Amino acid sequence: MDALLKIVLLISLYFIAISLHLGLCDDVPSAEADTVVTESEEHYTASDDFDY
């Protein structure tokens, strides 16, 4: 039973470490910020096209 408890504890700690890593080192917000910047740049270029 002790070995089974140790295995369950290690697996739970492993998943906690993965969730913390994904939560702290998440690249999705920076990627979304890049897409927002490119969308705003497209809007700016579209408004520049109307200024002849």
N, C-alpha and C. Protein backbone atom coordinates (compact mmCIF):
# COMPACT_ATOMS: atom_id res chain seq x y z
N MET A 1 0.83 -1.21 0.00
CA MET A 1 0.00 0.00 0.00
C MET A 1 0.86 1.26 0.00
N ASP A 2 2.02 1.20 0.65
CA ASP A 2 2.88 2.38 0.68
C ASP A 2 3.38 2.73 -0.71
N ALA A 3 3.72 1.70 -1.49
CA ALA A 3 4.20 1.97 -2.85
C ALA A 3 3.08 2.58 -3.69
N LEU A 4 1.86 2.10 -3.51
CA LEU A 4 0.73 2.65 -4.26
C LEU A 4 0.49 4.11 -3.89
N LEU A 5 0.59 4.42 -2.61
CA LEU A 5 0.40 5.80 -2.17
C LEU A 5 1.51 6.71 -2.71
N LYS A 6 2.73 6.20 -2.75
CA LYS A 6 3.84 6.99 -3.29
C LYS A 6 3.64 7.25 -4.78
N ILE A 7 3.16 6.26 -5.50
CA ILE A 7 2.92 6.43 -6.94
C ILE A 7 1.83 7.47 -7.17
N VAL A 8 0.75 7.39 -6.39
CA VAL A 8 -0.34 8.36 -6.54
C VAL A 8 0.15 9.75 -6.18
N LEU A 9 0.98 9.86 -5.15
CA LEU A 9 1.51 11.16 -4.75
C LEU A 9 2.42 11.73 -5.83
N LEU A 10 3.27 10.90 -6.42
CA LEU A 10 4.15 11.37 -7.48
C LEU A 10 3.36 11.81 -8.71
N ILE A 11 2.33 11.06 -9.05
CA ILE A 11 1.52 11.43 -10.22
C ILE A 11 0.80 12.75 -9.96
N SER A 12 0.26 12.91 -8.75
CA SER A 12 -0.44 14.16 -8.45
C SER A 12 0.53 15.34 -8.45
N LEU A 13 1.73 15.16 -7.90
CA LEU A 13 2.72 16.23 -7.93
C LEU A 13 3.15 16.54 -9.36
N TYR A 14 3.22 15.51 -10.19
CA TYR A 14 3.58 15.71 -11.59
C TYR A 14 2.55 16.58 -12.30
N PHE A 15 1.27 16.28 -12.07
CA PHE A 15 0.22 17.07 -12.71
C PHE A 15 0.17 18.48 -12.14
N ILE A 16 0.45 18.65 -10.86
CA ILE A 16 0.50 19.99 -10.27
C ILE A 16 1.64 20.79 -10.91
N ALA A 17 2.79 20.14 -11.10
CA ALA A 17 3.92 20.84 -11.72
C ALA A 17 3.59 21.23 -13.16
N ILE A 18 2.91 20.37 -13.89
CA ILE A 18 2.53 20.69 -15.27
C ILE A 18 1.56 21.86 -15.30
N SER A 19 0.57 21.83 -14.39
CA SER A 19 -0.42 22.91 -14.39
C SER A 19 0.22 24.23 -14.00
N LEU A 20 1.15 24.21 -13.05
CA LEU A 20 1.85 25.44 -12.66
C LEU A 20 2.71 25.95 -13.81
N HIS A 21 3.37 25.03 -14.50
CA HIS A 21 4.23 25.43 -15.63
C HIS A 21 3.39 26.06 -16.74
N LEU A 22 2.24 25.45 -17.03
CA LEU A 22 1.39 25.99 -18.09
C LEU A 22 0.77 27.31 -17.65
N GLY A 23 0.50 27.45 -16.36
CA GLY A 23 -0.10 28.69 -15.87
C GLY A 23 0.88 29.83 -15.82
N LEU A 24 2.12 29.56 -15.46
CA LEU A 24 3.11 30.63 -15.31
C LEU A 24 3.85 30.91 -16.60
N CYS A 25 4.07 29.89 -17.42
CA CYS A 25 4.87 30.06 -18.64
C CYS A 25 3.98 29.91 -19.87
N ASP A 26 2.79 30.49 -19.81
CA ASP A 26 1.85 30.33 -20.92
C ASP A 26 2.16 31.36 -21.99
N ASP A 27 2.33 30.90 -23.23
CA ASP A 27 2.66 31.79 -24.33
C ASP A 27 1.42 32.24 -25.10
N VAL A 28 0.26 31.75 -24.70
CA VAL A 28 -0.94 32.08 -25.46
C VAL A 28 -1.30 33.56 -25.33
N PRO A 29 -1.23 34.18 -24.15
CA PRO A 29 -1.55 35.62 -24.10
C PRO A 29 -0.63 36.47 -24.96
N SER A 30 0.66 36.16 -25.01
CA SER A 30 1.56 36.94 -25.85
C SER A 30 1.22 36.72 -27.32
N ALA A 31 0.83 35.50 -27.69
CA ALA A 31 0.44 35.24 -29.07
C ALA A 31 -0.85 35.99 -29.39
N GLU A 32 -1.79 36.04 -28.45
CA GLU A 32 -3.02 36.79 -28.67
C GLU A 32 -2.70 38.28 -28.78
N ALA A 33 -1.76 38.76 -27.98
CA ALA A 33 -1.38 40.17 -28.06
C ALA A 33 -0.76 40.47 -29.42
N ASP A 34 0.03 39.54 -29.95
CA ASP A 34 0.62 39.75 -31.28
C ASP A 34 -0.47 39.81 -32.35
N THR A 35 -1.48 38.95 -32.22
CA THR A 35 -2.55 38.98 -33.21
C THR A 35 -3.35 40.26 -33.07
N VAL A 36 -3.54 40.74 -31.86
CA VAL A 36 -4.27 42.00 -31.67
C VAL A 36 -3.48 43.14 -32.28
N VAL A 37 -2.17 43.13 -32.13
CA VAL A 37 -1.34 44.19 -32.70
C VAL A 37 -1.40 44.15 -34.22
N THR A 38 -1.34 42.94 -34.79
CA THR A 38 -1.39 42.85 -36.24
C THR A 38 -2.77 43.27 -36.75
N GLU A 39 -3.84 42.93 -36.01
CA GLU A 39 -5.17 43.36 -36.44
C GLU A 39 -5.28 44.88 -36.38
N SER A 40 -4.74 45.48 -35.33
CA SER A 40 -4.81 46.94 -35.24
C SER A 40 -3.96 47.58 -36.34
N GLU A 41 -2.83 46.96 -36.68
CA GLU A 41 -2.01 47.49 -37.77
C GLU A 41 -2.77 47.39 -39.09
N GLU A 42 -3.51 46.31 -39.27
CA GLU A 42 -4.30 46.19 -40.50
C GLU A 42 -5.36 47.29 -40.55
N HIS A 43 -5.97 47.57 -39.41
CA HIS A 43 -6.97 48.64 -39.38
C HIS A 43 -6.30 49.98 -39.68
N TYR A 44 -5.10 50.19 -39.14
CA TYR A 44 -4.41 51.44 -39.41
C TYR A 44 -4.05 51.55 -40.89
N THR A 45 -3.60 50.45 -41.48
CA THR A 45 -3.25 50.51 -42.90
C THR A 45 -4.50 50.72 -43.73
N ALA A 46 -5.63 50.15 -43.31
CA ALA A 46 -6.87 50.36 -44.05
C ALA A 46 -7.29 51.82 -43.96
N SER A 47 -7.13 52.45 -42.79
CA SER A 47 -7.49 53.85 -42.67
C SER A 47 -6.51 54.72 -43.47
N ASP A 48 -5.25 54.30 -43.58
CA ASP A 48 -4.28 55.05 -44.38
C ASP A 48 -4.60 54.96 -45.87
N ASP A 49 -5.21 53.85 -46.28
CA ASP A 49 -5.56 53.72 -47.69
C ASP A 49 -6.64 54.73 -48.08
N PHE A 50 -7.49 55.12 -47.13
CA PHE A 50 -8.54 56.08 -47.44
C PHE A 50 -8.03 57.51 -47.44
N ASP A 51 -6.84 57.75 -46.88
CA ASP A 51 -6.29 59.10 -46.84
C ASP A 51 -5.42 59.33 -48.07
N TYR A 52 -6.02 59.79 -49.15
CA TYR A 52 -5.25 60.02 -50.37
C TYR A 52 -4.74 61.45 -50.42
